[in-house]
Amino acid sequence: MKKEIVSLKNIVESIVPITRFNRGEANKVFEEVSEYGTKVVFKNNVPACVLVDPKRYEEMVEALEDYALYFEAEKRMKSAEKEGFISSENVYKKLNINEAELDDIDVELE
C-alpha cells in the first residue's frame, strides 16, 4: 500500500463510479483499494460508500479505541482530582489488608 499525499489528482483517482461495479469491474476496484488504501464509490454523483483496505480499517478502529480510552482516562483523572484521590496504601488500611496478601492472588481480565 502506497502512502498518499492529498492532492487533486489523488482525490480524483480515489473516486469510483458505481457503474464500474455494474460492468463487472469489482475485482479491479478491489485491487486498486489494496494498492492505494481507499476508494470512494459514487452513485448518482453522490458518495455512497468508502472502500478501505482491511489493514487500514483495523488501524483506524484501533486508533479510535485508543482515543476513547484516553478520553475516559482523562475524565476519570479529572473526577479523581475533584473527589480526592485515594492512595493504594489508604485502600489497604481501610480494607485491613497488606500488599503481600495480594501477591498470591491470580486475576483474570477479559
N, C-alpha and C. Protein backbone atom coordinates (compact mmCIF):
# COMPACT_ATOMS: atom_id res chain seq x y z
N MET A 1 0.85 -1.17 0.00
CA MET A 1 0.00 0.00 0.00
C MET A 1 0.89 1.24 0.00
N LYS A 2 0.64 2.15 -0.92
CA LYS A 2 1.42 3.38 -1.03
C LYS A 2 0.89 4.43 -0.07
N LYS A 3 1.80 5.27 0.42
CA LYS A 3 1.39 6.43 1.22
C LYS A 3 0.83 7.47 0.26
N GLU A 4 -0.30 8.05 0.63
CA GLU A 4 -0.94 9.04 -0.23
C GLU A 4 -0.66 10.44 0.26
N ILE A 5 -0.38 11.32 -0.66
CA ILE A 5 -0.30 12.74 -0.38
C ILE A 5 -1.59 13.33 -0.93
N VAL A 6 -2.28 14.11 -0.11
CA VAL A 6 -3.56 14.67 -0.53
C VAL A 6 -3.31 15.67 -1.66
N SER A 7 -3.89 15.38 -2.80
CA SER A 7 -3.81 16.27 -3.95
C SER A 7 -5.08 16.07 -4.76
N LEU A 8 -5.33 16.98 -5.65
CA LEU A 8 -6.50 16.86 -6.51
C LEU A 8 -6.43 15.58 -7.33
N LYS A 9 -5.24 15.23 -7.79
CA LYS A 9 -5.07 14.00 -8.57
C LYS A 9 -5.44 12.78 -7.74
N ASN A 10 -4.98 12.72 -6.50
CA ASN A 10 -5.30 11.59 -5.62
C ASN A 10 -6.79 11.52 -5.33
N ILE A 11 -7.40 12.68 -5.14
CA ILE A 11 -8.84 12.70 -4.87
C ILE A 11 -9.61 12.17 -6.07
N VAL A 12 -9.25 12.65 -7.25
CA VAL A 12 -9.93 12.20 -8.46
C VAL A 12 -9.72 10.71 -8.67
N GLU A 13 -8.51 10.23 -8.44
CA GLU A 13 -8.22 8.80 -8.63
C GLU A 13 -8.91 7.93 -7.59
N SER A 14 -9.28 8.50 -6.45
CA SER A 14 -9.94 7.70 -5.42
C SER A 14 -11.43 7.52 -5.68
N ILE A 15 -11.97 8.26 -6.65
CA ILE A 15 -13.41 8.18 -6.96
C ILE A 15 -13.68 7.00 -7.88
N VAL A 16 -14.70 6.22 -7.52
CA VAL A 16 -15.11 5.07 -8.33
C VAL A 16 -16.61 5.20 -8.60
N PRO A 17 -16.99 5.33 -9.87
CA PRO A 17 -18.44 5.35 -10.15
C PRO A 17 -19.03 3.96 -9.96
N ILE A 18 -20.24 3.90 -9.45
CA ILE A 18 -20.93 2.62 -9.20
C ILE A 18 -21.05 1.81 -10.48
N THR A 19 -21.04 2.48 -11.62
CA THR A 19 -21.17 1.76 -12.89
C THR A 19 -20.03 0.79 -13.13
N ARG A 20 -18.87 1.03 -12.52
CA ARG A 20 -17.76 0.06 -12.66
C ARG A 20 -18.14 -1.27 -12.04
N PHE A 21 -18.89 -1.24 -10.95
CA PHE A 21 -19.35 -2.49 -10.34
C PHE A 21 -20.39 -3.15 -11.24
N ASN A 22 -21.26 -2.33 -11.81
CA ASN A 22 -22.30 -2.86 -12.70
C ASN A 22 -21.72 -3.50 -13.95
N ARG A 23 -20.52 -3.05 -14.37
CA ARG A 23 -19.86 -3.61 -15.54
C ARG A 23 -18.96 -4.79 -15.20
N GLY A 24 -19.02 -5.25 -13.95
CA GLY A 24 -18.23 -6.41 -13.55
C GLY A 24 -16.78 -6.11 -13.24
N GLU A 25 -16.45 -4.88 -12.86
CA GLU A 25 -15.08 -4.49 -12.56
C GLU A 25 -14.77 -4.50 -11.06
N ALA A 26 -15.57 -5.20 -10.28
CA ALA A 26 -15.37 -5.19 -8.82
C ALA A 26 -13.98 -5.68 -8.44
N ASN A 27 -13.51 -6.76 -9.06
CA ASN A 27 -12.17 -7.27 -8.73
C ASN A 27 -11.09 -6.23 -8.99
N LYS A 28 -11.20 -5.51 -10.08
CA LYS A 28 -10.23 -4.46 -10.41
C LYS A 28 -10.29 -3.34 -9.36
N VAL A 29 -11.50 -2.96 -8.95
CA VAL A 29 -11.65 -1.92 -7.93
C VAL A 29 -11.03 -2.39 -6.62
N PHE A 30 -11.25 -3.64 -6.25
CA PHE A 30 -10.68 -4.17 -5.01
C PHE A 30 -9.16 -4.20 -5.08
N GLU A 31 -8.60 -4.50 -6.24
CA GLU A 31 -7.14 -4.45 -6.41
C GLU A 31 -6.62 -3.02 -6.19
N GLU A 32 -7.37 -2.05 -6.71
CA GLU A 32 -6.99 -0.65 -6.53
C GLU A 32 -7.05 -0.25 -5.05
N VAL A 33 -8.05 -0.76 -4.33
CA VAL A 33 -8.14 -0.49 -2.89
C VAL A 33 -6.92 -1.08 -2.18
N SER A 34 -6.54 -2.31 -2.56
CA SER A 34 -5.36 -2.94 -1.95
C SER A 34 -4.11 -2.12 -2.22
N GLU A 35 -4.02 -1.55 -3.43
CA GLU A 35 -2.83 -0.79 -3.80
C GLU A 35 -2.80 0.60 -3.17
N TYR A 36 -3.94 1.30 -3.18
CA TYR A 36 -3.96 2.70 -2.74
C TYR A 36 -4.56 2.92 -1.36
N GLY A 37 -5.27 1.92 -0.82
CA GLY A 37 -5.79 2.03 0.54
C GLY A 37 -7.27 2.36 0.64
N THR A 38 -7.76 3.26 -0.22
CA THR A 38 -9.17 3.63 -0.16
C THR A 38 -9.71 3.98 -1.55
N LYS A 39 -11.00 3.85 -1.68
CA LYS A 39 -11.75 4.29 -2.86
C LYS A 39 -13.10 4.78 -2.38
N VAL A 40 -13.61 5.84 -2.98
CA VAL A 40 -14.92 6.36 -2.66
C VAL A 40 -15.85 6.03 -3.81
N VAL A 41 -16.90 5.27 -3.51
CA VAL A 41 -17.86 4.85 -4.53
C VAL A 41 -18.96 5.90 -4.63
N PHE A 42 -19.16 6.41 -5.84
CA PHE A 42 -20.19 7.41 -6.10
C PHE A 42 -21.37 6.79 -6.81
N LYS A 43 -22.56 7.15 -6.38
CA LYS A 43 -23.80 6.73 -7.02
C LYS A 43 -24.61 8.00 -7.27
N ASN A 44 -24.97 8.25 -8.50
CA ASN A 44 -25.69 9.46 -8.88
C ASN A 44 -24.93 10.72 -8.43
N ASN A 45 -23.62 10.70 -8.63
CA ASN A 45 -22.74 11.83 -8.31
C ASN A 45 -22.70 12.19 -6.83
N VAL A 46 -23.05 11.24 -5.99
CA VAL A 46 -23.02 11.44 -4.53
C VAL A 46 -22.23 10.29 -3.91
N PRO A 47 -21.34 10.58 -2.96
CA PRO A 47 -20.61 9.48 -2.31
C PRO A 47 -21.59 8.50 -1.64
N ALA A 48 -21.46 7.22 -1.99
CA ALA A 48 -22.36 6.20 -1.45
C ALA A 48 -21.66 5.38 -0.36
N CYS A 49 -20.37 5.13 -0.53
CA CYS A 49 -19.62 4.39 0.49
C CYS A 49 -18.13 4.58 0.25
N VAL A 50 -17.34 4.19 1.25
CA VAL A 50 -15.90 4.25 1.15
C VAL A 50 -15.37 2.84 1.31
N LEU A 51 -14.56 2.41 0.36
CA LEU A 51 -13.92 1.10 0.44
C LEU A 51 -12.53 1.31 1.05
N VAL A 52 -12.22 0.54 2.08
CA VAL A 52 -10.96 0.70 2.81
C VAL A 52 -10.27 -0.64 2.89
N ASP A 53 -8.96 -0.62 2.70
CA ASP A 53 -8.14 -1.81 2.86
C ASP A 53 -8.33 -2.34 4.28
N PRO A 54 -8.50 -3.67 4.47
CA PRO A 54 -8.75 -4.22 5.81
C PRO A 54 -7.70 -3.83 6.85
N LYS A 55 -6.43 -3.81 6.45
CA LYS A 55 -5.38 -3.46 7.42
C LYS A 55 -5.54 -2.00 7.86
N ARG A 56 -5.81 -1.13 6.90
CA ARG A 56 -6.01 0.28 7.23
C ARG A 56 -7.24 0.45 8.12
N TYR A 57 -8.31 -0.31 7.84
CA TYR A 57 -9.52 -0.26 8.65
C TYR A 57 -9.22 -0.65 10.10
N GLU A 58 -8.47 -1.74 10.28
CA GLU A 58 -8.10 -2.18 11.63
C GLU A 58 -7.31 -1.09 12.35
N GLU A 59 -6.39 -0.45 11.64
CA GLU A 59 -5.59 0.62 12.24
C GLU A 59 -6.49 1.78 12.67
N MET A 60 -7.47 2.11 11.84
CA MET A 60 -8.39 3.20 12.18
C MET A 60 -9.23 2.85 13.40
N VAL A 61 -9.74 1.61 13.46
CA VAL A 61 -10.55 1.19 14.60
C VAL A 61 -9.71 1.20 15.87
N GLU A 62 -8.48 0.69 15.79
CA GLU A 62 -7.60 0.68 16.96
C GLU A 62 -7.30 2.11 17.43
N ALA A 63 -7.09 3.02 16.49
CA ALA A 63 -6.83 4.42 16.86
C ALA A 63 -8.05 5.02 17.57
N LEU A 64 -9.24 4.74 17.04
CA LEU A 64 -10.45 5.25 17.68
C LEU A 64 -10.62 4.67 19.09
N GLU A 65 -10.33 3.39 19.24
CA GLU A 65 -10.43 2.77 20.57
C GLU A 65 -9.42 3.39 21.52
N ASP A 66 -8.19 3.63 21.02
CA ASP A 66 -7.17 4.27 21.86
C ASP A 66 -7.61 5.66 22.30
N TYR A 67 -8.18 6.43 21.36
CA TYR A 67 -8.67 7.76 21.72
C TYR A 67 -9.79 7.68 22.75
N ALA A 68 -10.70 6.73 22.59
CA ALA A 68 -11.79 6.57 23.55
C ALA A 68 -11.24 6.25 24.93
N LEU A 69 -10.26 5.35 25.00
CA LEU A 69 -9.64 5.02 26.29
C LEU A 69 -8.91 6.22 26.89
N TYR A 70 -8.23 6.97 26.04
CA TYR A 70 -7.52 8.16 26.51
C TYR A 70 -8.49 9.16 27.12
N PHE A 71 -9.59 9.43 26.41
CA PHE A 71 -10.56 10.40 26.92
C PHE A 71 -11.24 9.90 28.19
N GLU A 72 -11.49 8.60 28.28
CA GLU A 72 -12.06 8.04 29.51
C GLU A 72 -11.07 8.19 30.67
N ALA A 73 -9.80 7.95 30.42
CA ALA A 73 -8.78 8.11 31.46
C ALA A 73 -8.69 9.57 31.91
N GLU A 74 -8.73 10.48 30.93
CA GLU A 74 -8.71 11.91 31.26
C GLU A 74 -9.90 12.28 32.14
N LYS A 75 -11.08 11.80 31.77
CA LYS A 75 -12.29 12.09 32.53
C LYS A 75 -12.18 11.56 33.95
N ARG A 76 -11.67 10.34 34.09
CA ARG A 76 -11.53 9.74 35.42
C ARG A 76 -10.50 10.47 36.26
N MET A 77 -9.41 10.91 35.63
CA MET A 77 -8.38 11.63 36.38
C MET A 77 -8.94 12.96 36.90
N LYS A 78 -9.71 13.65 36.06
CA LYS A 78 -10.31 14.92 36.50
C LYS A 78 -11.30 14.67 37.63
N SER A 79 -12.08 13.59 37.50
CA SER A 79 -13.04 13.25 38.53
C SER A 79 -12.32 12.89 39.83
N ALA A 80 -11.24 12.14 39.73
CA ALA A 80 -10.48 11.74 40.92
C ALA A 80 -9.88 12.95 41.62
N GLU A 81 -9.43 13.92 40.83
CA GLU A 81 -8.87 15.14 41.44
C GLU A 81 -9.95 15.90 42.21
N LYS A 82 -11.15 15.96 41.65
CA LYS A 82 -12.25 16.67 42.32
C LYS A 82 -12.69 15.96 43.58
N GLU A 83 -12.77 14.64 43.52
CA GLU A 83 -13.29 13.87 44.65
C GLU A 83 -12.22 13.52 45.67
N GLY A 84 -10.98 13.75 45.36
CA GLY A 84 -9.90 13.39 46.26
C GLY A 84 -9.39 12.00 45.95
N PHE A 85 -8.19 11.93 45.49
CA PHE A 85 -7.59 10.67 45.10
C PHE A 85 -7.26 9.84 46.33
N ILE A 86 -7.53 8.55 46.30
CA ILE A 86 -7.23 7.66 47.43
C ILE A 86 -6.05 6.78 47.04
N SER A 87 -4.99 6.84 47.80
CA SER A 87 -3.80 6.05 47.50
C SER A 87 -4.05 4.57 47.80
N SER A 88 -3.25 3.72 47.18
CA SER A 88 -3.40 2.28 47.42
C SER A 88 -3.12 1.95 48.88
N GLU A 89 -2.20 2.67 49.50
CA GLU A 89 -1.90 2.43 50.91
C GLU A 89 -3.13 2.68 51.78
N ASN A 90 -3.87 3.74 51.48
CA ASN A 90 -5.08 4.04 52.24
C ASN A 90 -6.17 3.00 52.00
N VAL A 91 -6.25 2.49 50.78
CA VAL A 91 -7.22 1.43 50.49
C VAL A 91 -6.87 0.19 51.29
N TYR A 92 -5.57 -0.17 51.34
CA TYR A 92 -5.13 -1.34 52.11
C TYR A 92 -5.51 -1.18 53.59
N LYS A 93 -5.27 0.01 54.14
CA LYS A 93 -5.60 0.26 55.54
C LYS A 93 -7.11 0.12 55.77
N LYS A 94 -7.88 0.74 54.88
CA LYS A 94 -9.33 0.73 55.02
C LYS A 94 -9.88 -0.69 54.96
N LEU A 95 -9.30 -1.54 54.09
CA LEU A 95 -9.77 -2.92 53.93
C LEU A 95 -9.04 -3.89 54.87
N ASN A 96 -8.11 -3.36 55.65
CA ASN A 96 -7.35 -4.16 56.60
C ASN A 96 -6.59 -5.31 55.92
N ILE A 97 -5.90 -4.98 54.82
CA ILE A 97 -5.06 -5.96 54.12
C ILE A 97 -3.72 -5.32 53.85
N ASN A 98 -2.76 -6.15 53.41
CA ASN A 98 -1.48 -5.59 53.01
C ASN A 98 -1.12 -6.09 51.60
N GLU A 99 -0.17 -5.45 51.00
CA GLU A 99 0.18 -5.75 49.61
C GLU A 99 0.67 -7.19 49.46
N ALA A 100 1.35 -7.72 50.43
CA ALA A 100 1.87 -9.09 50.37
C ALA A 100 0.74 -10.11 50.23
N GLU A 101 -0.40 -9.83 50.85
CA GLU A 101 -1.55 -10.73 50.73
C GLU A 101 -2.08 -10.81 49.30
N LEU A 102 -1.86 -9.78 48.53
CA LEU A 102 -2.35 -9.74 47.16
C LEU A 102 -1.41 -10.41 46.16
N ASP A 103 -0.17 -10.68 46.58
CA ASP A 103 0.82 -11.25 45.67
C ASP A 103 0.43 -12.64 45.16
N ASP A 104 -0.26 -13.42 45.97
CA ASP A 104 -0.59 -14.80 45.61
C ASP A 104 -1.93 -14.93 44.89
N ILE A 105 -2.59 -13.82 44.63
CA ILE A 105 -3.91 -13.87 44.00
C ILE A 105 -3.74 -13.72 42.48
N ASP A 106 -4.36 -14.66 41.75
CA ASP A 106 -4.37 -14.57 40.29
C ASP A 106 -5.63 -13.86 39.84
N VAL A 107 -5.46 -12.88 38.97
CA VAL A 107 -6.59 -12.12 38.46
C VAL A 107 -6.66 -12.30 36.96
N GLU A 108 -7.85 -12.65 36.45
CA GLU A 108 -8.06 -12.78 35.02
C GLU A 108 -8.89 -11.61 34.53
N LEU A 109 -8.40 -10.95 33.50
CA LEU A 109 -9.11 -9.83 32.90
C LEU A 109 -9.57 -10.23 31.51
N GLU A 110 -10.77 -9.83 31.17
CA GLU A 110 -11.28 -10.12 29.82
C GLU A 110 -11.27 -8.89 28.98
